[in-house]
PDB file of N, CA and C in Angstrom:
ATOM      1  N   MET A   1     -13.387  10.675  -1.838  1.00  0.00           N
ATOM      2  CA  MET A   1     -12.609   9.496  -1.713  1.00  0.00           C
ATOM      3  C   MET A   1     -11.282   9.702  -2.294  1.00  0.00           C
ATOM      4  N   ILE A   2     -10.278   9.149  -1.689  1.00  0.00           N
ATOM      5  CA  ILE A   2      -8.939   9.106  -2.160  1.00  0.00           C
ATOM      6  C   ILE A   2      -8.554   7.674  -2.466  1.00  0.00           C
ATOM      7  N   LEU A   3      -8.001   7.361  -3.661  1.00  0.00           N
ATOM      8  CA  LEU A   3      -7.549   6.098  -4.032  1.00  0.00           C
ATOM      9  C   LEU A   3      -6.085   6.070  -4.311  1.00  0.00           C
ATOM     10  N   ILE A   4      -5.344   5.189  -3.736  1.00  0.00           N
ATOM     11  CA  ILE A   4      -3.940   5.055  -3.888  1.00  0.00           C
ATOM     12  C   ILE A   4      -3.568   3.714  -4.399  1.00  0.00           C
ATOM     13  N   HIS A   5      -2.692   3.710  -5.430  1.00  0.00           N
ATOM     14  CA  HIS A   5      -2.080   2.492  -5.961  1.00  0.00           C
ATOM     15  C   HIS A   5      -0.579   2.588  -5.747  1.00  0.00           C
ATOM     16  N   ALA A   6      -0.054   1.804  -4.896  1.00  0.00           N
ATOM     17  CA  ALA A   6       1.407   1.760  -4.602  1.00  0.00           C
ATOM     18  C   ALA A   6       1.963   0.440  -5.139  1.00  0.00           C
ATOM     19  N   GLY A   7       2.867   0.643  -6.081  1.00  0.00           N
ATOM     20  CA  GLY A   7       3.439  -0.513  -6.832  1.00  0.00           C
ATOM     21  C   GLY A   7       4.771  -0.983  -6.140  1.00  0.00           C
ATOM     22  N   PHE A   8       4.881  -2.252  -5.985  1.00  0.00           N
ATOM     23  CA  PHE A   8       6.077  -2.821  -5.352  1.00  0.00           C
ATOM     24  C   PHE A   8       6.656  -3.879  -6.337  1.00  0.00           C
ATOM     25  N   GLN A   9       7.951  -3.741  -6.718  1.00  0.00           N
ATOM     26  CA  GLN A   9       8.642  -4.813  -7.413  1.00  0.00           C
ATOM     27  C   GLN A   9       9.627  -5.358  -6.464  1.00  0.00           C
ATOM     28  N   VAL A  10       9.400  -6.571  -6.021  1.00  0.00           N
ATOM     29  CA  VAL A  10      10.058  -7.199  -4.871  1.00  0.00           C
ATOM     30  C   VAL A  10      11.220  -8.118  -5.411  1.00  0.00           C
ATOM     31  N   GLN A  11      12.371  -8.115  -4.676  1.00  0.00           N
ATOM     32  CA  GLN A  11      13.400  -9.020  -4.892  1.00  0.00           C
ATOM     33  C   GLN A  11      12.888 -10.460  -4.712  1.00  0.00           C
ATOM     34  N   ALA A  12      13.146 -11.321  -5.688  1.00  0.00           N
ATOM     35  CA  ALA A  12      12.652 -12.665  -5.607  1.00  0.00           C
ATOM     36  C   ALA A  12      12.993 -13.418  -4.350  1.00  0.00           C
ATOM     37  N   ASP A  13      14.234 -13.263  -3.857  1.00  0.00           N
ATOM     38  CA  ASP A  13      14.716 -13.963  -2.655  1.00  0.00           C
ATOM     39  C   ASP A  13      14.223 -13.388  -1.369  1.00  0.00           C
ATOM     40  N   LYS A  14      13.542 -12.219  -1.507  1.00  0.00           N
ATOM     41  CA  LYS A  14      13.004 -11.570  -0.291  1.00  0.00           C
ATOM     42  C   LYS A  14      11.430 -11.431  -0.271  1.00  0.00           C
ATOM     43  N   GLU A  15      10.878 -12.109  -1.180  1.00  0.00           N
ATOM     44  CA  GLU A  15       9.419 -11.972  -1.368  1.00  0.00           C
ATOM     45  C   GLU A  15       8.631 -12.443  -0.154  1.00  0.00           C
ATOM     46  N   GLN A  16       9.113 -13.613   0.477  1.00  0.00           N
ATOM     47  CA  GLN A  16       8.299 -14.077   1.618  1.00  0.00           C
ATOM     48  C   GLN A  16       8.457 -13.156   2.777  1.00  0.00           C
ATOM     49  N   SER A  17       9.632 -12.622   2.950  1.00  0.00           N
ATOM     50  CA  SER A  17       9.855 -11.627   4.071  1.00  0.00           C
ATOM     51  C   SER A  17       9.021 -10.417   3.871  1.00  0.00           C
ATOM     52  N   PHE A  18       8.960  -9.916   2.592  1.00  0.00           N
ATOM     53  CA  PHE A  18       8.152  -8.727   2.213  1.00  0.00           C
ATOM     54  C   PHE A  18       6.666  -9.046   2.620  1.00  0.00           C
ATOM     55  N   LEU A  19       6.212 -10.172   2.234  1.00  0.00           N
ATOM     56  CA  LEU A  19       4.804 -10.439   2.451  1.00  0.00           C
ATOM     57  C   LEU A  19       4.447 -10.554   4.073  1.00  0.00           C
ATOM     58  N   GLU A  20       5.416 -11.067   4.782  1.00  0.00           N
ATOM     59  CA  GLU A  20       5.239 -11.099   6.245  1.00  0.00           C
ATOM     60  C   GLU A  20       5.241  -9.719   6.778  1.00  0.00           C
ATOM     61  N   GLU A  21       6.155  -8.925   6.345  1.00  0.00           N
ATOM     62  CA  GLU A  21       6.218  -7.493   6.912  1.00  0.00           C
ATOM     63  C   GLU A  21       5.051  -6.679   6.429  1.00  0.00           C
ATOM     64  N   ILE A  22       4.547  -6.838   5.263  1.00  0.00           N
ATOM     65  CA  ILE A  22       3.429  -5.939   4.837  1.00  0.00           C
ATOM     66  C   ILE A  22       2.106  -6.386   5.363  1.00  0.00           C
ATOM     67  N   ARG A  23       2.098  -7.652   5.829  1.00  0.00           N
ATOM     68  CA  ARG A  23       0.836  -8.137   6.428  1.00  0.00           C
ATOM     69  C   ARG A  23       0.464  -7.299   7.706  1.00  0.00           C
ATOM     70  N   THR A  24       1.496  -6.953   8.501  1.00  0.00           N
ATOM     71  CA  THR A  24       1.337  -6.079   9.723  1.00  0.00           C
ATOM     72  C   THR A  24       0.712  -4.716   9.237  1.00  0.00           C
ATOM     73  N   LEU A  25       1.337  -4.141   8.192  1.00  0.00           N
ATOM     74  CA  LEU A  25       0.879  -2.887   7.715  1.00  0.00           C
ATOM     75  C   LEU A  25      -0.641  -2.929   7.284  1.00  0.00           C
ATOM     76  N   ILE A  26      -0.980  -3.999   6.590  1.00  0.00           N
ATOM     77  CA  ILE A  26      -2.336  -4.200   6.056  1.00  0.00           C
ATOM     78  C   ILE A  26      -3.348  -4.296   7.192  1.00  0.00           C
ATOM     79  N   THR A  27      -3.041  -5.167   8.149  1.00  0.00           N
ATOM     80  CA  THR A  27      -3.884  -5.383   9.222  1.00  0.00           C
ATOM     81  C   THR A  27      -4.133  -4.109  10.052  1.00  0.00           C
ATOM     82  N   ALA A  28      -3.090  -3.376  10.325  1.00  0.00           N
ATOM     83  CA  ALA A  28      -3.277  -2.175  11.138  1.00  0.00           C
ATOM     84  C   ALA A  28      -3.931  -1.013  10.378  1.00  0.00           C
ATOM     85  N   SER A  29      -3.602  -0.945   9.075  1.00  0.00           N
ATOM     86  CA  SER A  29      -4.229   0.155   8.239  1.00  0.00           C
ATOM     87  C   SER A  29      -5.717   0.012   8.089  1.00  0.00           C
ATOM     88  N   ARG A  30      -6.164  -1.194   8.083  1.00  0.00           N
ATOM     89  CA  ARG A  30      -7.574  -1.490   7.877  1.00  0.00           C
ATOM     90  C   ARG A  30      -8.383  -1.050   9.040  1.00  0.00           C
ATOM     91  N   THR A  31      -7.730  -0.867  10.221  1.00  0.00           N
ATOM     92  CA  THR A  31      -8.472  -0.467  11.440  1.00  0.00           C
ATOM     93  C   THR A  31      -8.460   1.038  11.652  1.00  0.00           C
ATOM     94  N   GLU A  32      -7.801   1.787  10.770  1.00  0.00           N
ATOM     95  CA  GLU A  32      -7.704   3.242  10.928  1.00  0.00           C
ATOM     96  C   GLU A  32      -8.984   3.905  10.570  1.00  0.00           C
ATOM     97  N   ASN A  33      -9.251   5.054  11.345  1.00  0.00           N
ATOM     98  CA  ASN A  33     -10.369   5.931  10.883  1.00  0.00           C
ATOM     99  C   ASN A  33     -10.164   6.459   9.540  1.00  0.00           C
ATOM    100  N   GLY A  34     -11.197   6.418   8.736  1.00  0.00           N
ATOM    101  CA  GLY A  34     -11.149   6.887   7.371  1.00  0.00           C
ATOM    102  C   GLY A  34     -10.726   5.865   6.301  1.00  0.00           C
ATOM    103  N   ASN A  35     -10.363   4.673   6.699  1.00  0.00           N
ATOM    104  CA  ASN A  35      -9.987   3.619   5.794  1.00  0.00           C
ATOM    105  C   ASN A  35     -11.200   2.948   5.228  1.00  0.00           C
ATOM    106  N   VAL A  36     -11.376   2.864   3.986  1.00  0.00           N
ATOM    107  CA  VAL A  36     -12.428   2.157   3.331  1.00  0.00           C
ATOM    108  C   VAL A  36     -11.976   0.734   2.979  1.00  0.00           C
ATOM    109  N   SER A  37     -10.780   0.630   2.445  1.00  0.00           N
ATOM    110  CA  SER A  37     -10.248  -0.681   2.063  1.00  0.00           C
ATOM    111  C   SER A  37      -8.734  -0.548   1.891  1.00  0.00           C
ATOM    112  N   TYR A  38      -8.069  -1.656   2.075  1.00  0.00           N
ATOM    113  CA  TYR A  38      -6.557  -1.653   1.967  1.00  0.00           C
ATOM    114  C   TYR A  38      -6.219  -3.138   1.597  1.00  0.00           C
ATOM    115  N   ASP A  39      -5.865  -3.329   0.344  1.00  0.00           N
ATOM    116  CA  ASP A  39      -5.684  -4.663  -0.151  1.00  0.00           C
ATOM    117  C   ASP A  39      -4.402  -4.744  -1.052  1.00  0.00           C
ATOM    118  N   LEU A  40      -3.661  -5.818  -0.825  1.00  0.00           N
ATOM    119  CA  LEU A  40      -2.460  -6.079  -1.664  1.00  0.00           C
ATOM    120  C   LEU A  40      -2.856  -7.043  -2.763  1.00  0.00           C
ATOM    121  N   MET A  41      -2.525  -6.643  -4.019  1.00  0.00           N
ATOM    122  CA  MET A  41      -2.823  -7.459  -5.151  1.00  0.00           C
ATOM    123  C   MET A  41      -1.586  -7.875  -5.866  1.00  0.00           C
ATOM    124  N   LYS A  42      -1.532  -9.192  -6.231  1.00  0.00           N
ATOM    125  CA  LYS A  42      -0.368  -9.793  -7.001  1.00  0.00           C
ATOM    126  C   LYS A  42      -0.595  -9.657  -8.473  1.00  0.00           C
ATOM    127  N   ASP A  43       0.428  -9.168  -9.172  1.00  0.00           N
ATOM    128  CA  ASP A  43       0.347  -8.956 -10.635  1.00  0.00           C
ATOM    129  C   ASP A  43       0.193 -10.389 -11.241  1.00  0.00           C
ATOM    130  N   THR A  44      -0.646 -10.598 -12.196  1.00  0.00           N
ATOM    131  CA  THR A  44      -0.928 -11.836 -12.831  1.00  0.00           C
ATOM    132  C   THR A  44       0.031 -12.040 -14.015  1.00  0.00           C
ATOM    133  N   GLU A  45       0.736 -11.028 -14.437  1.00  0.00           N
ATOM    134  CA  GLU A  45       1.617 -11.077 -15.589  1.00  0.00           C
ATOM    135  C   GLU A  45       3.101 -10.962 -15.292  1.00  0.00           C
ATOM    136  N   LYS A  46       3.378 -10.399 -14.128  1.00  0.00           N
ATOM    137  CA  LYS A  46       4.806 -10.243 -13.792  1.00  0.00           C
ATOM    138  C   LYS A  46       5.089 -10.871 -12.472  1.00  0.00           C
ATOM    139  N   ASP A  47       6.168 -11.646 -12.341  1.00  0.00           N
ATOM    140  CA  ASP A  47       6.533 -12.247 -11.071  1.00  0.00           C
ATOM    141  C   ASP A  47       7.068 -11.141 -10.078  1.00  0.00           C
ATOM    142  N   HIS A  48       6.791 -11.393  -8.885  1.00  0.00           N
ATOM    143  CA  HIS A  48       7.275 -10.544  -7.708  1.00  0.00           C
ATOM    144  C   HIS A  48       6.845  -9.101  -7.865  1.00  0.00           C
ATOM    145  N   VAL A  49       5.763  -8.867  -8.401  1.00  0.00           N
ATOM    146  CA  VAL A  49       5.187  -7.454  -8.528  1.00  0.00           C
ATOM    147  C   VAL A  49       3.781  -7.441  -7.865  1.00  0.00           C
ATOM    148  N   TYR A  50       3.629  -6.419  -6.969  1.00  0.00           N
ATOM    149  CA  TYR A  50       2.384  -6.285  -6.222  1.00  0.00           C
ATOM    150  C   TYR A  50       1.941  -4.844  -6.301  1.00  0.00           C
ATOM    151  N   THR A  51       0.604  -4.633  -6.133  1.00  0.00           N
ATOM    152  CA  THR A  51       0.079  -3.233  -6.013  1.00  0.00           C
ATOM    153  C   THR A  51      -0.796  -3.207  -4.796  1.00  0.00           C
ATOM    154  N   MET A  52      -0.550  -2.275  -3.899  1.00  0.00           N
ATOM    155  CA  MET A  52      -1.386  -2.032  -2.776  1.00  0.00           C
ATOM    156  C   MET A  52      -2.484  -1.049  -3.285  1.00  0.00           C
ATOM    157  N   VAL A  53      -3.741  -1.450  -3.098  1.00  0.00           N
ATOM    158  CA  VAL A  53      -4.838  -0.632  -3.489  1.00  0.00           C
ATOM    159  C   VAL A  53      -5.491  -0.192  -2.269  1.00  0.00           C
ATOM    160  N   GLU A  54      -5.458   1.145  -2.016  1.00  0.00           N
ATOM    161  CA  GLU A  54      -5.970   1.798  -0.853  1.00  0.00           C
ATOM    162  C   GLU A  54      -7.129   2.688  -1.161  1.00  0.00           C
ATOM    163  N   VAL A  55      -8.186   2.693  -0.315  1.00  0.00           N
ATOM    164  CA  VAL A  55      -9.253   3.606  -0.505  1.00  0.00           C
ATOM    165  C   VAL A  55      -9.502   4.243   0.886  1.00  0.00           C
ATOM    166  N   TRP A  56      -9.472   5.630   0.823  1.00  0.00           N
ATOM    167  CA  TRP A  56      -9.607   6.428   2.052  1.00  0.00           C
ATOM    168  C   TRP A  56     -10.773   7.462   1.856  1.00  0.00           C
ATOM    169  N   GLN A  57     -11.429   7.776   2.997  1.00  0.00           N
ATOM    170  CA  GLN A  57     -12.495   8.685   2.934  1.00  0.00           C
ATOM    171  C   GLN A  57     -12.012  10.082   2.444  1.00  0.00           C
ATOM    172  N   ASP A  58     -10.850  10.569   2.876  1.00  0.00           N
ATOM    173  CA  ASP A  58     -10.384  11.863   2.559  1.00  0.00           C
ATOM    174  C   ASP A  58      -8.908  11.959   2.646  1.00  0.00           C
ATOM    175  N   MET A  59      -8.281  13.087   2.259  1.00  0.00           N
ATOM    176  CA  MET A  59      -6.816  13.285   2.339  1.00  0.00           C
ATOM    177  C   MET A  59      -6.337  13.292   3.756  1.00  0.00           C
ATOM    178  N   ASN A  60      -7.156  13.949   4.602  1.00  0.00           N
ATOM    179  CA  ASN A  60      -6.806  13.934   6.019  1.00  0.00           C
ATOM    180  C   ASN A  60      -6.570  12.478   6.651  1.00  0.00           C
ATOM    181  N   SER A  61      -7.397  11.531   6.206  1.00  0.00           N
ATOM    182  CA  SER A  61      -7.180  10.155   6.658  1.00  0.00           C
ATOM    183  C   SER A  61      -5.862   9.615   6.111  1.00  0.00           C
ATOM    184  N   VAL A  62      -5.531   9.952   4.912  1.00  0.00           N
ATOM    185  CA  VAL A  62      -4.267   9.481   4.319  1.00  0.00           C
ATOM    186  C   VAL A  62      -3.105  10.089   5.110  1.00  0.00           C
ATOM    187  N   GLU A  63      -3.149  11.353   5.364  1.00  0.00           N
ATOM    188  CA  GLU A  63      -2.084  12.007   6.097  1.00  0.00           C
ATOM    189  C   GLU A  63      -1.924  11.416   7.524  1.00  0.00           C
ATOM    190  N   ASN A  64      -3.041  11.112   8.198  1.00  0.00           N
ATOM    191  CA  ASN A  64      -2.908  10.489   9.502  1.00  0.00           C
ATOM    192  C   ASN A  64      -2.265   9.105   9.352  1.00  0.00           C
ATOM    193  N   GLN A  65      -2.598   8.347   8.437  1.00  0.00           N
ATOM    194  CA  GLN A  65      -1.969   7.043   8.144  1.00  0.00           C
ATOM    195  C   GLN A  65      -0.576   7.150   7.942  1.00  0.00           C
ATOM    196  N   ASN A  66      -0.123   8.112   7.114  1.00  0.00           N
ATOM    197  CA  ASN A  66       1.288   8.318   6.823  1.00  0.00           C
ATOM    198  C   ASN A  66       2.096   8.624   8.024  1.00  0.00           C
ATOM    199  N   LYS A  67       1.517   9.102   9.090  1.00  0.00           N
ATOM    200  CA  LYS A  67       2.132   9.393  10.368  1.00  0.00           C
ATOM    201  C   LYS A  67       2.126   8.232  11.411  1.00  0.00           C
ATOM    202  N   SER A  68       1.315   7.222  11.052  1.00  0.00           N
ATOM    203  CA  SER A  68       1.142   6.129  12.015  1.00  0.00           C
ATOM    204  C   SER A  68       2.442   5.311  12.235  1.00  0.00           C
ATOM    205  N   ASP A  69       2.628   4.702  13.340  1.00  0.00           N
ATOM    206  CA  ASP A  69       3.782   3.930  13.730  1.00  0.00           C
ATOM    207  C   ASP A  69       3.875   2.719  12.728  1.00  0.00           C
ATOM    208  N   HIS A  70       2.729   2.019  12.352  1.00  0.00           N
ATOM    209  CA  HIS A  70       2.919   0.874  11.498  1.00  0.00           C
ATOM    210  C   HIS A  70       3.196   1.295  10.067  1.00  0.00           C
ATOM    211  N   PHE A  71       2.828   2.436   9.573  1.00  0.00           N
ATOM    212  CA  PHE A  71       3.199   2.911   8.316  1.00  0.00           C
ATOM    213  C   PHE A  71       4.678   3.338   8.261  1.00  0.00           C
ATOM    214  N   THR A  72       5.085   4.116   9.177  1.00  0.00           N
ATOM    215  CA  THR A  72       6.468   4.595   9.195  1.00  0.00           C
ATOM    216  C   THR A  72       7.417   3.391   9.404  1.00  0.00           C
ATOM    217  N   SER A  73       7.051   2.495  10.199  1.00  0.00           N
ATOM    218  CA  SER A  73       7.934   1.339  10.418  1.00  0.00           C
ATOM    219  C   SER A  73       8.021   0.575   9.146  1.00  0.00           C
ATOM    220  N   PHE A  74       7.010   0.311   8.332  1.00  0.00           N
ATOM    221  CA  PHE A  74       7.088  -0.389   7.138  1.00  0.00           C
ATOM    222  C   PHE A  74       7.946   0.422   6.100  1.00  0.00           C
ATOM    223  N   VAL A  75       7.746   1.708   6.004  1.00  0.00           N
ATOM    224  CA  VAL A  75       8.444   2.497   5.055  1.00  0.00           C
ATOM    225  C   VAL A  75       9.977   2.473   5.368  1.00  0.00           C
ATOM    226  N   SER A  76      10.367   2.468   6.592  1.00  0.00           N
ATOM    227  CA  SER A  76      11.729   2.431   6.997  1.00  0.00           C
ATOM    228  C   SER A  76      12.467   1.089   6.529  1.00  0.00           C
ATOM    229  N   LYS A  77      11.680   0.021   6.415  1.00  0.00           N
ATOM    230  CA  LYS A  77      12.174  -1.273   6.007  1.00  0.00           C
ATOM    231  C   LYS A  77      12.043  -1.705   4.659  1.00  0.00           C
ATOM    232  N   ALA A  78      11.070  -0.937   3.865  1.00  0.00           N
ATOM    233  CA  ALA A  78      10.615  -1.394   2.602  1.00  0.00           C
ATOM    234  C   ALA A  78      11.817  -1.494   1.514  1.00  0.00           C
ATOM    235  N   SER A  79      12.753  -0.584   1.540  1.00  0.00           N
ATOM    236  CA  SER A  79      13.785  -0.595   0.491  1.00  0.00           C
ATOM    237  C   SER A  79      14.622  -1.895   0.495  1.00  0.00           C
ATOM    238  N   GLN A  80      14.734  -2.606   1.691  1.00  0.00           N
ATOM    239  CA  GLN A  80      15.480  -3.778   1.713  1.00  0.00           C
ATOM    240  C   GLN A  80      14.787  -4.982   0.885  1.00  0.00           C
ATOM    241  N   TYR A  81      13.550  -4.785   0.556  1.00  0.00           N
ATOM    242  CA  TYR A  81      12.784  -5.827  -0.100  1.00  0.00           C
ATOM    243  C   TYR A  81      12.587  -5.534  -1.599  1.00  0.00           C
ATOM    244  N   LEU A  82      12.858  -4.260  -1.983  1.00  0.00           N
ATOM    245  CA  LEU A  82      12.449  -3.836  -3.347  1.00  0.00           C
ATOM    246  C   LEU A  82      13.621  -3.952  -4.337  1.00  0.00           C
ATOM    247  N   ALA A  83      13.184  -4.319  -5.509  1.00  0.00           N
ATOM    248  CA  ALA A  83      14.193  -4.479  -6.678  1.00  0.00           C
ATOM    249  C   ALA A  83      14.191  -3.166  -7.503  1.00  0.00           C
ATOM    250  N   ALA A  84      13.197  -2.271  -7.255  1.00  0.00           N
ATOM    251  CA  ALA A  84      13.018  -1.015  -7.985  1.00  0.00           C
ATOM    252  C   ALA A  84      12.337  -0.091  -7.028  1.00  0.00           C
ATOM    253  N   PRO A  85      12.485   1.208  -7.299  1.00  0.00           N
ATOM    254  CA  PRO A  85      11.821   2.177  -6.391  1.00  0.00           C
ATOM    255  C   PRO A  85      10.267   1.982  -6.417  1.00  0.00           C
ATOM    256  N   LEU A  86       9.656   2.309  -5.268  1.00  0.00           N
ATOM    257  CA  LEU A  86       8.211   2.176  -5.094  1.00  0.00           C
ATOM    258  C   LEU A  86       7.571   3.163  -6.064  1.00  0.00           C
ATOM    259  N   SER A  87       6.476   2.795  -6.707  1.00  0.00           N
ATOM    260  CA  SER A  87       5.741   3.706  -7.562  1.00  0.00           C
ATOM    261  C   SER A  87       4.350   3.990  -6.927  1.00  0.00           C
ATOM    262  N   MET A  88       3.952   5.179  -7.052  1.00  0.00           N
ATOM    263  CA  MET A  88       2.689   5.559  -6.375  1.00  0.00           C
ATOM    264  C   MET A  88       1.851   6.453  -7.180  1.00  0.00           C
ATOM    265  N   LYS A  89       0.540   6.191  -7.286  1.00  0.00           N
ATOM    266  CA  LYS A  89      -0.367   7.065  -7.970  1.00  0.00           C
ATOM    267  C   LYS A  89      -1.537   7.327  -6.990  1.00  0.00           C
ATOM    268  N   ILE A  90      -1.964   8.579  -6.962  1.00  0.00           N
ATOM    269  CA  ILE A  90      -3.041   8.972  -6.074  1.00  0.00           C
ATOM    270  C   ILE A  90      -4.137   9.503  -6.975  1.00  0.00           C
ATOM    271  N   TYR A  91      -5.394   9.154  -6.625  1.00  0.00           N
ATOM    272  CA  TYR A  91      -6.509   9.533  -7.395  1.00  0.00           C
ATOM    273  C   TYR A  91      -7.536  10.091  -6.437  1.00  0.00           C
ATOM    274  N   GLU A  92      -8.297  11.165  -6.915  1.00  0.00           N
ATOM    275  CA  GLU A  92      -9.402  11.609  -6.172  1.00  0.00           C
ATOM    276  C   GLU A  92     -10.605  10.988  -6.866  1.00  0.00           C
ATOM    277  N   GLY A  93     -11.381  10.275  -6.062  1.00  0.00           N
ATOM    278  CA  GLY A  93     -12.595   9.577  -6.631  1.00  0.00           C
ATOM    279  C   GLY A  93     -13.816  10.400  -6.432  1.00  0.00           C
ATOM    280  N   ASN A  94     -14.603  10.590  -7.432  1.00  0.00           N
ATOM    281  CA  ASN A  94     -15.872  11.336  -7.421  1.00  0.00           C
ATOM    282  C   ASN A  94     -16.963  10.429  -7.809  1.00  0.00           C
ATOM    283  N   GLU A  95     -18.072  10.995  -7.965  1.00  0.00           N
ATOM    284  CA  GLU A  95     -19.214  10.142  -8.378  1.00  0.00           C
ATOM    285  C   GLU A  95     -18.907   9.414  -9.671  1.00  0.00           C
ATOM    286  N   ARG A  96     -19.503   8.276  -9.817  1.00  0.00           N
ATOM    287  CA  ARG A  96     -19.239   7.476 -11.072  1.00  0.00           C
ATOM    288  C   ARG A  96     -19.815   8.145 -12.296  1.00  0.00           C
ATOM    289  N   ILE A  97     -19.058   8.264 -13.242  1.00  0.00           N
ATOM    290  CA  ILE A  97     -19.500   8.817 -14.496  1.00  0.00           C
ATOM    291  C   ILE A  97     -20.032   7.732 -15.419  1.00  0.00           C
ATOM    292  N   GLN A  98     -21.203   7.972 -15.919  1.00  0.00           N
ATOM    293  CA  GLN A  98     -21.878   6.872 -16.754  1.00  0.00           C
ATOM    294  C   GLN A  98     -22.007   7.309 -18.108  1.00  0.00           C
TER     295      GLN A  98
END
């Protein structure tokens, strides 16, 4: 499993437009082969801050998504909504350690 956390700090006056634009990305990404989940979370402590939490079966699935029309379209527009550069962390998930 591959887990991705993509952080977005959105300009306050463009937040609604950002949410409309990212909704298309979320809907399309959830239908892709290899997608386990794809959810946008709003920060409870900071205004206009969101984290996309993605879970993919493998890195090949991530690479295919990164080439998709809906992903490349969103990436080409994202900077107009952001107040800071996108942050991203990628994790490889293994069996749960107890």
